[in-house]
Every structure is written in C-alpha cells, then in structure tokens.
Amino acid sequence: KLPAVVAINEFPTDTQAEVELVRTKCKELGVNV
C-alpha cells in the first residue's frame, strides 16, 4: 500500500520506443516512469 515510481536505469542501447512501451504499461497501473 505504498506509492511507487519505476526508475528506468537507462542504457545507451535503449530506444525511445522501448522506453515509451514501459512507460505506457506502468501508467496503466497508475505508476509513473
């Protein structure tokens, strides 16, 4: 029962599309990235 944020520890090989996919899925649970 705690508020949470997902921190993506970014790697140089991460693409914008990949980051946005994680962000979208987390927002569906009410959690920001």
Full PDB file with SEQRES, HELIX, SHEET, SSBOND, CRYST1, ORIGX, SCALE, CONECT and MASTER records, all heavy atoms in Angstrom:
SEQRES   1 A   33  LYS LEU PRO ALA VAL VAL ALA ILE ASN GLU PHE PRO THR          
SEQRES   2 A   33  ASP THR GLN ALA GLU VAL GLU LEU VAL ARG THR LYS CYS          
SEQRES   3 A   33  LYS GLU LEU GLY VAL ASN VAL                                  
HELIX    1 AA1 GLN A   16  LYS A   27  1                                  12    
CRYST1    1.000    1.000    1.000  90.00  90.00  90.00 P 1           1          
ORIGX1      1.000000  0.000000  0.000000        0.00000                         
ORIGX2      0.000000  1.000000  0.000000        0.00000                         
ORIGX3      0.000000  0.000000  1.000000        0.00000                         
SCALE1      1.000000  0.000000  0.000000        0.00000                         
SCALE2      0.000000  1.000000  0.000000        0.00000                         
SCALE3      0.000000  0.000000  1.000000        0.00000                         
ATOM      1  N   LYS A   1       0.808  -1.214   0.000  1.00  0.00           N  
ATOM      2  CA  LYS A   1       0.000   0.000   0.000  1.00  0.00           C  
ATOM      3  C   LYS A   1       0.847   1.273   0.000  1.00  0.00           C  
ATOM      4  O   LYS A   1       0.546   2.246   0.695  1.00  0.00           O  
ATOM      5  CB  LYS A   1      -0.935   0.018   1.226  1.00  0.00           C  
ATOM      6  CG  LYS A   1      -1.777  -1.227   1.401  1.00  0.00           C  
ATOM      7  CD  LYS A   1      -2.805  -1.392   0.302  1.00  0.00           C  
ATOM      8  CE  LYS A   1      -3.734  -2.563   0.579  1.00  0.00           C  
ATOM      9  NZ  LYS A   1      -4.735  -2.787  -0.470  1.00  0.00           N  
ATOM     10  N   LEU A   2       1.904   1.284  -0.804  1.00  0.00           N  
ATOM     11  CA  LEU A   2       2.789   2.439  -0.892  1.00  0.00           C  
ATOM     12  C   LEU A   2       2.790   3.020  -2.305  1.00  0.00           C  
ATOM     13  O   LEU A   2       2.686   2.281  -3.279  1.00  0.00           O  
ATOM     14  CB  LEU A   2       4.224   2.048  -0.519  1.00  0.00           C  
ATOM     15  CG  LEU A   2       4.499   1.790   0.957  1.00  0.00           C  
ATOM     16  CD1 LEU A   2       5.871   1.139   1.131  1.00  0.00           C  
ATOM     17  CD2 LEU A   2       4.422   3.082   1.765  1.00  0.00           C  
ATOM     18  N   PRO A   3       2.939   4.341  -2.429  1.00  0.00           N  
ATOM     19  CA  PRO A   3       3.106   4.930  -3.761  1.00  0.00           C  
ATOM     20  C   PRO A   3       4.473   4.561  -4.310  1.00  0.00           C  
ATOM     21  O   PRO A   3       5.438   4.406  -3.557  1.00  0.00           O  
ATOM     22  CB  PRO A   3       2.977   6.433  -3.509  1.00  0.00           C  
ATOM     23  CG  PRO A   3       3.361   6.613  -2.077  1.00  0.00           C  
ATOM     24  CD  PRO A   3       2.914   5.368  -1.367  1.00  0.00           C  
ATOM     25  N   ALA A   4       4.574   4.425  -5.627  1.00  0.00           N  
ATOM     26  CA  ALA A   4       5.827   3.981  -6.231  1.00  0.00           C  
ATOM     27  C   ALA A   4       6.076   4.688  -7.554  1.00  0.00           C  
ATOM     28  O   ALA A   4       5.151   5.168  -8.211  1.00  0.00           O  
ATOM     29  CB  ALA A   4       5.805   2.468  -6.452  1.00  0.00           C  
ATOM     30  N   VAL A   5       7.331   4.757  -7.917  1.00  0.00           N  
ATOM     31  CA  VAL A   5       7.752   5.224  -9.229  1.00  0.00           C  
ATOM     32  C   VAL A   5       8.696   4.171  -9.795  1.00  0.00           C  
ATOM     33  O   VAL A   5       9.504   3.590  -9.059  1.00  0.00           O  
ATOM     34  CB  VAL A   5       8.450   6.599  -9.157  1.00  0.00           C  
ATOM     35  CG1 VAL A   5       9.608   6.588  -8.172  1.00  0.00           C  
ATOM     36  CG2 VAL A   5       8.948   7.022 -10.541  1.00  0.00           C  
ATOM     37  N   VAL A   6       8.596   3.902 -11.082  1.00  0.00           N  
ATOM     38  CA  VAL A   6       9.530   2.998 -11.752  1.00  0.00           C  
ATOM     39  C   VAL A   6      10.651   3.837 -12.345  1.00  0.00           C  
ATOM     40  O   VAL A   6      10.410   4.732 -13.155  1.00  0.00           O  
ATOM     41  CB  VAL A   6       8.841   2.184 -12.864  1.00  0.00           C  
ATOM     42  CG1 VAL A   6       9.871   1.426 -13.692  1.00  0.00           C  
ATOM     43  CG2 VAL A   6       7.839   1.214 -12.258  1.00  0.00           C  
ATOM     44  N   ALA A   7      11.866   3.576 -11.910  1.00  0.00           N  
ATOM     45  CA  ALA A   7      13.038   4.264 -12.440  1.00  0.00           C  
ATOM     46  C   ALA A   7      13.715   3.364 -13.455  1.00  0.00           C  
ATOM     47  O   ALA A   7      14.170   2.271 -13.118  1.00  0.00           O  
ATOM     48  CB  ALA A   7      14.021   4.622 -11.319  1.00  0.00           C  
ATOM     49  N   ILE A   8      13.758   3.806 -14.695  1.00  0.00           N  
ATOM     50  CA  ILE A   8      14.462   3.038 -15.721  1.00  0.00           C  
ATOM     51  C   ILE A   8      15.921   3.460 -15.708  1.00  0.00           C  
ATOM     52  O   ILE A   8      16.259   4.597 -16.037  1.00  0.00           O  
ATOM     53  CB  ILE A   8      13.861   3.268 -17.115  1.00  0.00           C  
ATOM     54  CG1 ILE A   8      12.410   2.778 -17.161  1.00  0.00           C  
ATOM     55  CG2 ILE A   8      14.700   2.545 -18.178  1.00  0.00           C  
ATOM     56  CD1 ILE A   8      11.757   2.952 -18.511  1.00  0.00           C  
ATOM     57  N   ASN A   9      16.775   2.571 -15.293  1.00  0.00           N  
ATOM     58  CA  ASN A   9      18.216   2.828 -15.296  1.00  0.00           C  
ATOM     59  C   ASN A   9      18.678   2.700 -16.751  1.00  0.00           C  
ATOM     60  O   ASN A   9      18.909   1.611 -17.246  1.00  0.00           O  
ATOM     61  CB  ASN A   9      18.923   1.819 -14.400  1.00  0.00           C  
ATOM     62  CG  ASN A   9      20.314   2.263 -14.011  1.00  0.00           C  
ATOM     63  OD1 ASN A   9      20.720   3.385 -14.304  1.00  0.00           O  
ATOM     64  ND2 ASN A   9      21.045   1.392 -13.346  1.00  0.00           N  
ATOM     65  N   GLU A  10      18.772   3.823 -17.431  1.00  0.00           N  
ATOM     66  CA  GLU A  10      18.916   3.835 -18.891  1.00  0.00           C  
ATOM     67  C   GLU A  10      20.290   3.371 -19.362  1.00  0.00           C  
ATOM     68  O   GLU A  10      21.312   3.748 -18.793  1.00  0.00           O  
ATOM     69  CB  GLU A  10      18.639   5.239 -19.435  1.00  0.00           C  
ATOM     70  CG  GLU A  10      18.548   5.287 -20.944  1.00  0.00           C  
ATOM     71  CD  GLU A  10      18.304   6.708 -21.450  1.00  0.00           C  
ATOM     72  OE1 GLU A  10      18.936   7.646 -20.927  1.00  0.00           O  
ATOM     73  OE2 GLU A  10      17.490   6.863 -22.364  1.00  0.00           O  
ATOM     74  N   PHE A  11      20.277   2.568 -20.420  1.00  0.00           N  
ATOM     75  CA  PHE A  11      21.492   2.146 -21.109  1.00  0.00           C  
ATOM     76  C   PHE A  11      21.545   2.859 -22.463  1.00  0.00           C  
ATOM     77  O   PHE A  11      20.500   3.208 -23.031  1.00  0.00           O  
ATOM     78  CB  PHE A  11      21.486   0.632 -21.332  1.00  0.00           C  
ATOM     79  CG  PHE A  11      21.858  -0.172 -20.120  1.00  0.00           C  
ATOM     80  CD1 PHE A  11      21.014  -0.219 -19.010  1.00  0.00           C  
ATOM     81  CD2 PHE A  11      23.041  -0.881 -20.072  1.00  0.00           C  
ATOM     82  CE1 PHE A  11      21.351  -0.954 -17.891  1.00  0.00           C  
ATOM     83  CE2 PHE A  11      23.396  -1.622 -18.959  1.00  0.00           C  
ATOM     84  CZ  PHE A  11      22.544  -1.662 -17.866  1.00  0.00           C  
ATOM     85  N   PRO A  12      22.741   3.069 -23.012  1.00  0.00           N  
ATOM     86  CA  PRO A  12      22.848   3.747 -24.310  1.00  0.00           C  
ATOM     87  C   PRO A  12      22.104   3.028 -25.431  1.00  0.00           C  
ATOM     88  O   PRO A  12      21.712   3.663 -26.414  1.00  0.00           O  
ATOM     89  CB  PRO A  12      24.363   3.758 -24.583  1.00  0.00           C  
ATOM     90  CG  PRO A  12      25.002   3.636 -23.244  1.00  0.00           C  
ATOM     91  CD  PRO A  12      24.073   2.783 -22.435  1.00  0.00           C  
ATOM     92  N   THR A  13      21.901   1.714 -25.284  1.00  0.00           N  
ATOM     93  CA  THR A  13      21.241   0.946 -26.343  1.00  0.00           C  
ATOM     94  C   THR A  13      19.718   0.977 -26.244  1.00  0.00           C  
ATOM     95  O   THR A  13      19.039   0.483 -27.143  1.00  0.00           O  
ATOM     96  CB  THR A  13      21.719  -0.513 -26.298  1.00  0.00           C  
ATOM     97  OG1 THR A  13      21.502  -1.041 -24.979  1.00  0.00           O  
ATOM     98  CG2 THR A  13      23.207  -0.612 -26.634  1.00  0.00           C  
ATOM     99  N   ASP A  14      19.177   1.532 -25.163  1.00  0.00           N  
ATOM    100  CA  ASP A  14      17.715   1.622 -25.043  1.00  0.00           C  
ATOM    101  C   ASP A  14      17.170   2.551 -26.117  1.00  0.00           C  
ATOM    102  O   ASP A  14      17.715   3.637 -26.344  1.00  0.00           O  
ATOM    103  CB  ASP A  14      17.311   2.156 -23.666  1.00  0.00           C  
ATOM    104  CG  ASP A  14      17.719   1.228 -22.529  1.00  0.00           C  
ATOM    105  OD1 ASP A  14      18.083   0.081 -22.806  1.00  0.00           O  
ATOM    106  OD2 ASP A  14      17.657   1.676 -21.370  1.00  0.00           O  
ATOM    107  N   THR A  15      16.075   2.166 -26.756  1.00  0.00           N  
ATOM    108  CA  THR A  15      15.474   3.029 -27.769  1.00  0.00           C  
ATOM    109  C   THR A  15      14.269   3.761 -27.180  1.00  0.00           C  
ATOM    110  O   THR A  15      13.703   3.350 -26.162  1.00  0.00           O  
ATOM    111  CB  THR A  15      15.009   2.213 -28.991  1.00  0.00           C  
ATOM    112  OG1 THR A  15      13.894   1.374 -28.613  1.00  0.00           O  
ATOM    113  CG2 THR A  15      16.147   1.349 -29.526  1.00  0.00           C  
ATOM    114  N   GLN A  16      13.891   4.838 -27.833  1.00  0.00           N  
ATOM    115  CA  GLN A  16      12.743   5.621 -27.371  1.00  0.00           C  
ATOM    116  C   GLN A  16      11.473   4.787 -27.356  1.00  0.00           C  
ATOM    117  O   GLN A  16      10.646   4.887 -26.447  1.00  0.00           O  
ATOM    118  CB  GLN A  16      12.554   6.853 -28.262  1.00  0.00           C  
ATOM    119  CG  GLN A  16      11.476   7.825 -27.791  1.00  0.00           C  
ATOM    120  CD  GLN A  16      11.817   8.475 -26.459  1.00  0.00           C  
ATOM    121  OE1 GLN A  16      12.986   8.675 -26.145  1.00  0.00           O  
ATOM    122  NE2 GLN A  16      10.798   8.804 -25.682  1.00  0.00           N  
ATOM    123  N   ALA A  17      11.321   3.942 -28.366  1.00  0.00           N  
ATOM    124  CA  ALA A  17      10.136   3.088 -28.443  1.00  0.00           C  
ATOM    125  C   ALA A  17      10.077   2.123 -27.266  1.00  0.00           C  
ATOM    126  O   ALA A  17       8.988   1.850 -26.726  1.00  0.00           O  
ATOM    127  CB  ALA A  17      10.123   2.319 -29.759  1.00  0.00           C  
ATOM    128  N   GLU A  18      11.219   1.593 -26.859  1.00  0.00           N  
ATOM    129  CA  GLU A  18      11.254   0.669 -25.731  1.00  0.00           C  
ATOM    130  C   GLU A  18      10.894   1.380 -24.429  1.00  0.00           C  
ATOM    131  O   GLU A  18      10.106   0.874 -23.623  1.00  0.00           O  
ATOM    132  CB  GLU A  18      12.637   0.023 -25.636  1.00  0.00           C  
ATOM    133  CG  GLU A  18      12.932  -0.956 -26.763  1.00  0.00           C  
ATOM    134  CD  GLU A  18      14.339  -1.507 -26.719  1.00  0.00           C  
ATOM    135  OE1 GLU A  18      15.262  -0.763 -26.294  1.00  0.00           O  
ATOM    136  OE2 GLU A  18      14.538  -2.669 -27.115  1.00  0.00           O  
ATOM    137  N   VAL A  19      11.467   2.544 -24.223  1.00  0.00           N  
ATOM    138  CA  VAL A  19      11.182   3.312 -23.002  1.00  0.00           C  
ATOM    139  C   VAL A  19       9.704   3.685 -22.940  1.00  0.00           C  
ATOM    140  O   VAL A  19       9.055   3.579 -21.887  1.00  0.00           O  
ATOM    141  CB  VAL A  19      12.059   4.570 -22.932  1.00  0.00           C  
ATOM    142  CG1 VAL A  19      11.628   5.470 -21.776  1.00  0.00           C  
ATOM    143  CG2 VAL A  19      13.532   4.196 -22.789  1.00  0.00           C  
ATOM    144  N   GLU A  20       9.142   4.100 -24.057  1.00  0.00           N  
ATOM    145  CA  GLU A  20       7.735   4.502 -24.084  1.00  0.00           C  
ATOM    146  C   GLU A  20       6.811   3.322 -23.832  1.00  0.00           C  
ATOM    147  O   GLU A  20       5.743   3.477 -23.241  1.00  0.00           O  
ATOM    148  CB  GLU A  20       7.404   5.170 -25.421  1.00  0.00           C  
ATOM    149  CG  GLU A  20       8.003   6.558 -25.564  1.00  0.00           C  
ATOM    150  CD  GLU A  20       7.640   7.468 -24.401  1.00  0.00           C  
ATOM    151  OE1 GLU A  20       6.440   7.512 -24.027  1.00  0.00           O  
ATOM    152  OE2 GLU A  20       8.553   8.128 -23.861  1.00  0.00           O  
ATOM    153  N   LEU A  21       7.202   2.132 -24.278  1.00  0.00           N  
ATOM    154  CA  LEU A  21       6.388   0.951 -24.025  1.00  0.00           C  
ATOM    155  C   LEU A  21       6.325   0.665 -22.523  1.00  0.00           C  
ATOM    156  O   LEU A  21       5.246   0.380 -21.984  1.00  0.00           O  
ATOM    157  CB  LEU A  21       6.958  -0.261 -24.768  1.00  0.00           C  
ATOM    158  CG  LEU A  21       6.223  -1.589 -24.558  1.00  0.00           C  
ATOM    159  CD1 LEU A  21       4.743  -1.477 -24.924  1.00  0.00           C  
ATOM    160  CD2 LEU A  21       6.885  -2.705 -25.361  1.00  0.00           C  
ATOM    161  N   VAL A  22       7.469   0.738 -21.842  1.00  0.00           N  
ATOM    162  CA  VAL A  22       7.495   0.538 -20.388  1.00  0.00           C  
ATOM    163  C   VAL A  22       6.656   1.610 -19.697  1.00  0.00           C  
ATOM    164  O   VAL A  22       5.872   1.335 -18.789  1.00  0.00           O  
ATOM    165  CB  VAL A  22       8.937   0.564 -19.848  1.00  0.00           C  
ATOM    166  CG1 VAL A  22       8.937   0.411 -18.320  1.00  0.00           C  
ATOM    167  CG2 VAL A  22       9.768  -0.539 -20.480  1.00  0.00           C  
ATOM    168  N   ARG A  23       6.796   2.851 -20.151  1.00  0.00           N  
ATOM    169  CA  ARG A  23       6.053   3.964 -19.548  1.00  0.00           C  
ATOM    170  C   ARG A  23       4.537   3.745 -19.683  1.00  0.00           C  
ATOM    171  O   ARG A  23       3.785   3.948 -18.735  1.00  0.00           O  
ATOM    172  CB  ARG A  23       6.468   5.274 -20.223  1.00  0.00           C  
ATOM    173  CG  ARG A  23       6.036   6.528 -19.480  1.00  0.00           C  
ATOM    174  CD  ARG A  23       6.387   7.770 -20.287  1.00  0.00           C  
ATOM    175  NE  ARG A  23       7.806   7.885 -20.569  1.00  0.00           N  
ATOM    176  CZ  ARG A  23       8.683   8.437 -19.743  1.00  0.00           C  
ATOM    177  NH1 ARG A  23       8.282   8.911 -18.578  1.00  0.00           N  
ATOM    178  NH2 ARG A  23       9.952   8.522 -20.087  1.00  0.00           N  
ATOM    179  N   THR A  24       4.110   3.313 -20.855  1.00  0.00           N  
ATOM    180  CA  THR A  24       2.679   3.099 -21.104  1.00  0.00           C  
ATOM    181  C   THR A  24       2.122   2.000 -20.214  1.00  0.00           C  
ATOM    182  O   THR A  24       1.048   2.144 -19.615  1.00  0.00           O  
ATOM    183  CB  THR A  24       2.444   2.738 -22.582  1.00  0.00           C  
ATOM    184  OG1 THR A  24       2.865   3.832 -23.403  1.00  0.00           O  
ATOM    185  CG2 THR A  24       0.974   2.447 -22.849  1.00  0.00           C  
ATOM    186  N   LYS A  25       2.835   0.880 -20.105  1.00  0.00           N  
ATOM    187  CA  LYS A  25       2.360  -0.247 -19.313  1.00  0.00           C  
ATOM    188  C   LYS A  25       2.289   0.105 -17.827  1.00  0.00           C  
ATOM    189  O   LYS A  25       1.365  -0.329 -17.109  1.00  0.00           O  
ATOM    190  CB  LYS A  25       3.261  -1.466 -19.522  1.00  0.00           C  
ATOM    191  CG  LYS A  25       3.204  -2.046 -20.933  1.00  0.00           C  
ATOM    192  CD  LYS A  25       1.816  -2.587 -21.247  1.00  0.00           C  
ATOM    193  CE  LYS A  25       1.771  -3.237 -22.620  1.00  0.00           C  
ATOM    194  NZ  LYS A  25       0.421  -3.780 -22.930  1.00  0.00           N  
ATOM    195  N   CYS A  26       3.252   0.886 -17.342  1.00  0.00           N  
ATOM    196  CA  CYS A  26       3.251   1.266 -15.928  1.00  0.00           C  
ATOM    197  C   CYS A  26       2.126   2.246 -15.631  1.00  0.00           C  
ATOM    198  O   CYS A  26       1.483   2.174 -14.576  1.00  0.00           O  
ATOM    199  CB  CYS A  26       4.598   1.875 -15.537  1.00  0.00           C  
ATOM    200  SG  CYS A  26       5.938   0.670 -15.472  1.00  0.00           S  
ATOM    201  N   LYS A  27       1.859   3.152 -16.572  1.00  0.00           N  
ATOM    202  CA  LYS A  27       0.789   4.124 -16.362  1.00  0.00           C  
ATOM    203  C   LYS A  27      -0.572   3.446 -16.269  1.00  0.00           C  
ATOM    204  O   LYS A  27      -1.484   3.951 -15.620  1.00  0.00           O  
ATOM    205  CB  LYS A  27       0.792   5.160 -17.486  1.00  0.00           C  
ATOM    206  CG  LYS A  27       1.838   6.258 -17.291  1.00  0.00           C  
ATOM    207  CD  LYS A  27       1.634   7.407 -18.252  1.00  0.00           C  
ATOM    208  CE  LYS A  27       2.595   8.555 -17.926  1.00  0.00           C  
ATOM    209  NZ  LYS A  27       2.400   9.714 -18.826  1.00  0.00           N  
ATOM    210  N   GLU A  28      -0.700   2.294 -16.922  1.00  0.00           N  
ATOM    211  CA  GLU A  28      -1.954   1.545 -16.832  1.00  0.00           C  
ATOM    212  C   GLU A  28      -2.225   1.083 -15.406  1.00  0.00           C  
ATOM    213  O   GLU A  28      -3.365   0.833 -15.025  1.00  0.00           O  
ATOM    214  CB  GLU A  28      -1.922   0.350 -17.787  1.00  0.00           C  
ATOM    215  CG  GLU A  28      -1.970   0.756 -19.261  1.00  0.00           C  
ATOM    216  CD  GLU A  28      -1.820  -0.427 -20.203  1.00  0.00           C  
ATOM    217  OE1 GLU A  28      -1.671  -1.572 -19.704  1.00  0.00           O  
ATOM    218  OE2 GLU A  28      -1.845  -0.222 -21.430  1.00  0.00           O  
ATOM    219  N   LEU A  29      -1.157   0.966 -14.600  1.00  0.00           N  
ATOM    220  CA  LEU A  29      -1.299   0.606 -13.187  1.00  0.00           C  
ATOM    221  C   LEU A  29      -1.245   1.840 -12.288  1.00  0.00           C  
ATOM    222  O   LEU A  29      -1.200   1.725 -11.059  1.00  0.00           O  
ATOM    223  CB  LEU A  29      -0.196  -0.377 -12.773  1.00  0.00           C  
ATOM    224  CG  LEU A  29      -0.330  -1.811 -13.285  1.00  0.00           C  
ATOM    225  CD1 LEU A  29       0.829  -2.667 -12.784  1.00  0.00           C  
ATOM    226  CD2 LEU A  29      -1.654  -2.433 -12.867  1.00  0.00           C  
ATOM    227  N   GLY A  30      -1.231   3.016 -12.895  1.00  0.00           N  
ATOM    228  CA  GLY A  30      -1.226   4.256 -12.126  1.00  0.00           C  
ATOM    229  C   GLY A  30       0.121   4.656 -11.578  1.00  0.00           C  
ATOM    230  O   GLY A  30       0.202   5.441 -10.627  1.00  0.00           O  
ATOM    231  N   VAL A  31       1.196   4.138 -12.174  1.00  0.00           N  
ATOM    232  CA  VAL A  31       2.554   4.433 -11.697  1.00  0.00           C  
ATOM    233  C   VAL A  31       3.346   5.117 -12.798  1.00  0.00           C  
ATOM    234  O   VAL A  31       3.343   4.668 -13.951  1.00  0.00           O  
ATOM    235  CB  VAL A  31       3.276   3.135 -11.264  1.00  0.00           C  
ATOM    236  CG1 VAL A  31       4.732   3.395 -10.932  1.00  0.00           C  
ATOM    237  CG2 VAL A  31       2.558   2.521 -10.059  1.00  0.00           C  
ATOM    238  N   ASN A  32       4.015   6.203 -12.457  1.00  0.00           N  
ATOM    239  CA  ASN A  32       4.820   6.928 -13.427  1.00  0.00           C  
ATOM    240  C   ASN A  32       6.194   6.293 -13.595  1.00  0.00           C  
ATOM    241  O   ASN A  32       6.684   5.569 -12.722  1.00  0.00           O  
ATOM    242  CB  ASN A  32       4.981   8.387 -13.002  1.00  0.00           C  
ATOM    243  CG  ASN A  32       3.694   9.181 -13.162  1.00  0.00           C  
ATOM    244  OD1 ASN A  32       2.884   8.888 -14.027  1.00  0.00           O  
ATOM    245  ND2 ASN A  32       3.500  10.184 -12.316  1.00  0.00           N  
ATOM    246  N   VAL A  33       6.821   6.598 -14.721  1.00  0.00           N  
ATOM    247  CA  VAL A  33       8.173   6.131 -15.030  1.00  0.00           C  
ATOM    248  C   VAL A  33       9.090   7.342 -15.146  1.00  0.00           C  
ATOM    249  O   VAL A  33       8.725   8.354 -15.739  1.00  0.00           O  
ATOM    250  CB  VAL A  33       8.197   5.334 -16.351  1.00  0.00           C  
ATOM    251  CG1 VAL A  33       9.632   5.091 -16.809  1.00  0.00           C  
ATOM    252  CG2 VAL A  33       7.477   4.005 -16.185  1.00  0.00           C  
TER     253      VAL A  33                                                      
MASTER        0    0    0    1    0    0    0    6  252    1    0    3          
END                                                                             
